Protein backbone atom coordinates (compact mmCIF):
# COMPACT_ATOMS: atom_id res chain seq x y z
CA MET A 1 185.34 160.83 63.48
CA GLY A 2 182.43 159.52 61.44
CA ALA A 3 180.03 161.88 63.19
CA SER A 4 182.10 164.98 62.50
CA TRP A 5 182.48 163.88 58.87
CA VAL A 6 178.67 163.65 58.55
CA ARG A 7 178.32 167.13 60.05
CA ASN A 8 180.94 168.69 57.77
CA ASN A 9 180.18 166.85 54.52
CA ILE A 10 176.46 166.21 54.58
CA LEU A 11 174.65 168.54 56.95
CA GLU A 12 176.74 171.60 56.10
CA LYS A 13 176.83 170.78 52.39
CA TYR A 14 173.04 170.44 52.20
CA PRO A 15 171.77 172.95 54.79
CA ASP A 16 168.26 173.10 53.32
CA ALA A 17 167.82 169.43 52.45
CA PRO A 18 165.06 167.53 54.23
CA ILE A 19 167.52 165.16 55.90
CA SER A 20 167.06 163.48 59.26
CA VAL A 21 170.08 162.17 61.10
CA TYR A 22 169.75 159.89 64.08
CA ALA A 23 173.07 159.64 65.88
CA VAL A 24 173.02 156.68 68.23
CA TRP A 25 175.95 156.70 70.63
CA VAL A 26 177.06 153.41 72.19
CA PRO A 27 179.60 152.47 74.86
CA GLN A 28 182.29 151.20 72.48
CA LEU A 29 185.90 151.38 73.58
CA GLY A 30 184.82 152.17 77.13
CA ALA A 31 182.86 155.30 76.22
CA SER A 32 180.23 156.67 78.56
CA ARG A 33 177.37 159.08 78.05
CA GLY A 34 179.59 161.87 79.31
CA ASP A 35 182.01 161.26 76.45
CA VAL A 36 179.41 162.29 73.85
CA ASP A 37 180.05 165.77 72.48
CA VAL A 38 176.54 167.20 72.66
CA GLY A 39 177.59 170.24 70.63
CA LEU A 40 178.85 168.18 67.69
CA PHE A 41 175.50 168.30 65.92
CA ASP A 42 174.12 171.80 66.25
CA ASP A 43 171.48 171.17 63.64
CA GLU A 44 167.74 170.77 64.14
CA ARG A 45 167.71 167.84 61.70
CA VAL A 46 169.78 165.72 64.08
CA ARG A 47 168.52 163.65 67.00
CA SER A 48 171.12 162.14 69.31
CA TYR A 49 170.49 159.13 71.51
CA TRP A 50 172.57 157.29 74.09
CA ASP A 51 172.09 153.53 73.71
CA PRO A 52 173.99 151.81 76.56
CA GLN A 53 172.64 148.38 75.62
CA GLU A 54 173.33 148.85 71.89
CA LEU A 55 169.75 147.91 71.01
CA ALA A 56 169.64 150.03 67.83
CA GLY A 57 172.84 148.44 66.55
CA LEU A 58 171.55 144.96 67.34
CA ALA A 59 168.32 145.67 65.43
CA ILE A 60 170.25 146.92 62.43
CA ALA A 61 172.69 144.00 62.59
CA ASP A 62 169.77 141.55 62.63
CA ASP A 63 168.07 143.31 59.73
CA VAL A 64 171.10 143.85 57.50
CA GLU A 65 172.53 140.41 58.33
CA ALA A 66 175.96 141.40 57.05
CA PHE A 67 177.19 142.54 60.43
CA GLU A 68 178.65 139.72 62.49
CA PHE A 69 178.73 141.93 65.58
CA THR A 70 176.99 145.04 66.85
CA PRO A 71 178.00 147.79 64.43
CA TRP A 72 179.43 151.11 65.54
CA ASP A 73 180.81 153.97 63.48
CA ALA A 74 178.47 152.64 60.86
CA TYR A 75 175.70 154.18 58.86
CA THR A 76 172.48 152.90 57.44
CA LEU A 77 170.77 155.11 54.92
CA TYR A 78 167.02 155.00 54.43
CA GLY A 79 164.83 156.64 51.81
CA PRO A 80 162.22 159.31 52.49
CA ASP A 81 159.38 156.79 52.78
CA ALA A 82 161.11 154.51 55.32
CA ARG A 83 159.18 153.85 58.51
CA TRP A 84 160.39 152.00 61.59
CA GLU A 85 157.34 150.03 62.63
CA ASP A 86 157.89 146.39 63.62
CA GLY A 87 161.62 146.75 62.97
CA PRO A 88 164.07 148.61 60.78
CA PRO A 89 163.06 149.18 57.16
CA GLU A 90 165.27 147.96 54.34
CA PRO A 91 168.19 150.39 54.00
CA ILE A 92 169.13 151.95 50.67
CA ASP A 93 172.77 151.67 51.67
CA TRP A 94 174.88 150.77 54.67
CA ALA A 95 178.55 150.43 55.46
CA MET A 96 181.12 150.68 58.18
CA PRO A 97 183.20 152.38 59.30
CA VAL A 98 181.92 155.71 58.08
CA VAL A 99 185.42 157.14 57.72
CA SER A 100 186.47 154.51 55.17
CA GLU A 101 183.20 154.70 53.21
CA THR A 102 182.85 158.46 52.84
CA ASP A 103 182.81 158.43 49.02
CA ARG A 104 180.06 155.83 49.00
CA LEU A 105 178.02 157.67 51.62
CA SER A 106 178.46 160.98 49.76
CA GLN A 107 177.20 159.44 46.52
CA SER A 108 174.21 157.80 48.22
CA VAL A 109 173.16 161.02 49.97
CA GLU A 110 173.70 163.07 46.82
CA GLY A 111 171.45 160.66 44.92
CA LEU A 112 168.67 161.16 47.45
CA VAL A 113 169.04 164.91 47.82
CA GLU A 114 169.60 165.84 44.20
CA GLY A 115 167.82 162.90 42.59
């Protein structure tokens, strides 16, 4: 649900914005790689990854320190100068689940795109 919201309310709303989305799919609730809808993000700005060991979520959880477990259906938002080198950069914003934080995510993205 969070992924389709991002497609409909960020990618489609800002079709020309220099946005990069990294969708990292994990095996929550018994999901497998075959459960990922590969057509969900038909946008060249999106990269999708299957992370069966939840390594990306663990890295974010360690960095943000607010997650007491491996996050899923979560977002972390980084600015245009963020670089993943020795670990995740400091996020501008983060929250979970996406579906309950849509207003916050919209405002954060709008601030980056229109700011």
